Amino acid sequence: MPPKKKKAGGDPGNGEKIFKNLCSGCHSLSAHSTGPALGGLPGEYIASGEGFDYSNALQAKATLKWTDGNLDKWLASPAGFIPGNAMAFAGIASMKDRSDLIAYLKA
């Protein structure tokens, strides 16, 4: 019998802690603030949240979706993934923390 594959994904409980510590100063899940609301973000098109004024850099990527891979690239380095965006955040170095945060956003 072949070995069981490890289920992909992170820990949404830890992701919630990361969200509260690193994201909640500018974002919530339900309402726009300094940054756009992030509830329901995974799977949506970039810069598609109605009622938020996205930077030109993000609007230029509006044909892409927030896939797990794109979210990971964004969370690792927003300026590296979409140069010229308005988010003043250096990124999250830990792959595990990014995976946990993505799991929380998808929960």
Protein backbone atom coordinates (compact mmCIF):
# COMPACT_ATOMS: atom_id res chain seq x y z
CA MET A 1 0.00 0.00 0.00
CA PRO A 2 1.48 3.39 -0.95
CA PRO A 3 2.16 5.90 1.85
CA LYS A 4 -0.60 8.39 2.55
CA LYS A 5 -0.02 11.82 1.10
CA LYS A 6 0.17 14.62 3.60
CA LYS A 7 -2.86 16.87 3.29
CA ALA A 8 -1.88 20.24 1.92
CA GLY A 9 -2.76 23.37 3.83
CA GLY A 10 -1.90 25.18 6.96
CA ASP A 11 -3.30 25.61 10.44
CA PRO A 12 -6.19 28.13 10.36
CA GLY A 13 -6.03 28.57 14.15
CA ASN A 14 -2.45 29.77 13.95
CA GLY A 15 -3.39 31.74 10.82
CA GLU A 16 -5.98 33.64 12.84
CA LYS A 17 -3.28 34.63 15.36
CA ILE A 18 -1.03 35.78 12.52
CA PHE A 19 -3.91 37.77 11.00
CA LYS A 20 -4.60 39.49 14.33
CA ASN A 21 -0.91 40.27 14.88
CA LEU A 22 0.14 41.34 11.38
CA CYS A 23 -2.95 42.20 9.34
CA SER A 24 -5.76 43.48 11.53
CA GLY A 25 -4.23 46.95 11.94
CA CYS A 26 -5.19 47.68 8.31
CA HIS A 27 -7.57 44.86 7.31
CA SER A 28 -10.66 43.07 8.55
CA LEU A 29 -12.53 40.16 7.04
CA SER A 30 -15.79 42.07 6.62
CA ALA A 31 -15.18 45.78 5.96
CA HIS A 32 -12.73 47.98 4.09
CA SER A 33 -10.40 50.05 6.23
CA THR A 34 -6.91 51.28 5.37
CA GLY A 35 -6.75 48.08 3.32
CA PRO A 36 -9.53 46.12 1.64
CA ALA A 37 -11.69 43.55 3.44
CA LEU A 38 -10.11 40.12 3.13
CA GLY A 39 -13.06 37.82 3.84
CA GLY A 40 -13.74 35.63 0.82
CA LEU A 41 -10.53 36.77 -0.87
CA PRO A 42 -9.11 33.36 -1.91
CA GLY A 43 -10.25 32.50 -5.42
CA GLU A 44 -11.35 36.04 -6.26
CA TYR A 45 -9.77 38.26 -8.88
CA ILE A 46 -7.05 40.62 -7.65
CA ALA A 47 -8.34 44.16 -6.96
CA SER A 48 -11.97 43.06 -7.29
CA GLY A 49 -13.39 44.03 -3.90
CA GLU A 50 -16.23 46.45 -4.59
CA GLY A 51 -15.92 49.86 -2.94
CA PHE A 52 -12.15 49.91 -2.38
CA ASP A 53 -9.74 52.20 -4.25
CA TYR A 54 -6.94 49.83 -5.31
CA SER A 55 -3.55 51.06 -6.51
CA ASN A 56 -2.84 51.14 -10.23
CA ALA A 57 -0.32 48.33 -9.70
CA LEU A 58 -2.99 46.02 -8.26
CA GLN A 59 -5.54 47.06 -10.86
CA ALA A 60 -3.02 46.07 -13.56
CA LYS A 61 -3.09 42.49 -12.16
CA ALA A 62 -6.91 42.29 -12.05
CA THR A 63 -6.97 39.44 -14.58
CA LEU A 64 -5.22 37.16 -12.04
CA LYS A 65 -6.95 35.38 -9.18
CA TRP A 66 -5.90 35.09 -5.57
CA THR A 67 -4.87 31.44 -5.84
CA ASP A 68 -2.93 29.82 -3.01
CA GLY A 69 0.24 30.35 -5.05
CA ASN A 70 -0.45 34.02 -5.72
CA LEU A 71 -1.42 34.62 -2.09
CA ASP A 72 1.82 32.96 -1.00
CA LYS A 73 3.88 35.16 -3.34
CA TRP A 74 2.02 38.28 -2.15
CA LEU A 75 2.42 37.43 1.53
CA ALA A 76 6.11 36.63 1.07
CA SER A 77 6.81 39.97 -0.60
CA PRO A 78 4.00 42.27 -1.73
CA ALA A 79 6.49 44.57 -3.49
CA GLY A 80 8.19 41.61 -5.15
CA PHE A 81 4.94 40.12 -6.44
CA ILE A 82 3.28 43.39 -7.51
CA PRO A 83 5.82 46.23 -7.65
CA GLY A 84 4.33 49.67 -7.05
CA ASN A 85 1.47 48.52 -4.83
CA ALA A 86 0.48 50.78 -1.94
CA MET A 87 0.72 48.25 0.88
CA ALA A 88 3.44 49.19 3.38
CA PHE A 89 4.26 45.64 4.47
CA ALA A 90 7.57 43.86 3.93
CA GLY A 91 6.11 40.36 3.91
CA ILE A 92 6.17 37.14 5.93
CA ALA A 93 9.39 35.16 5.65
CA SER A 94 8.08 31.91 7.16
CA MET A 95 6.48 29.58 4.60
CA LYS A 96 4.56 27.88 7.44
CA ASP A 97 3.14 31.18 8.68
CA ARG A 98 2.07 32.10 5.14
CA SER A 99 0.42 28.70 4.71
CA ASP A 100 -1.38 29.09 8.05
CA LEU A 101 -2.59 32.57 7.15
CA ILE A 102 -3.90 31.36 3.77
CA ALA A 103 -5.70 28.49 5.55
CA TYR A 104 -7.34 31.05 7.86
CA LEU A 105 -8.44 33.23 4.95
CA LYS A 106 -9.96 30.16 3.29
CA ALA A 107 -11.75 28.91 6.45
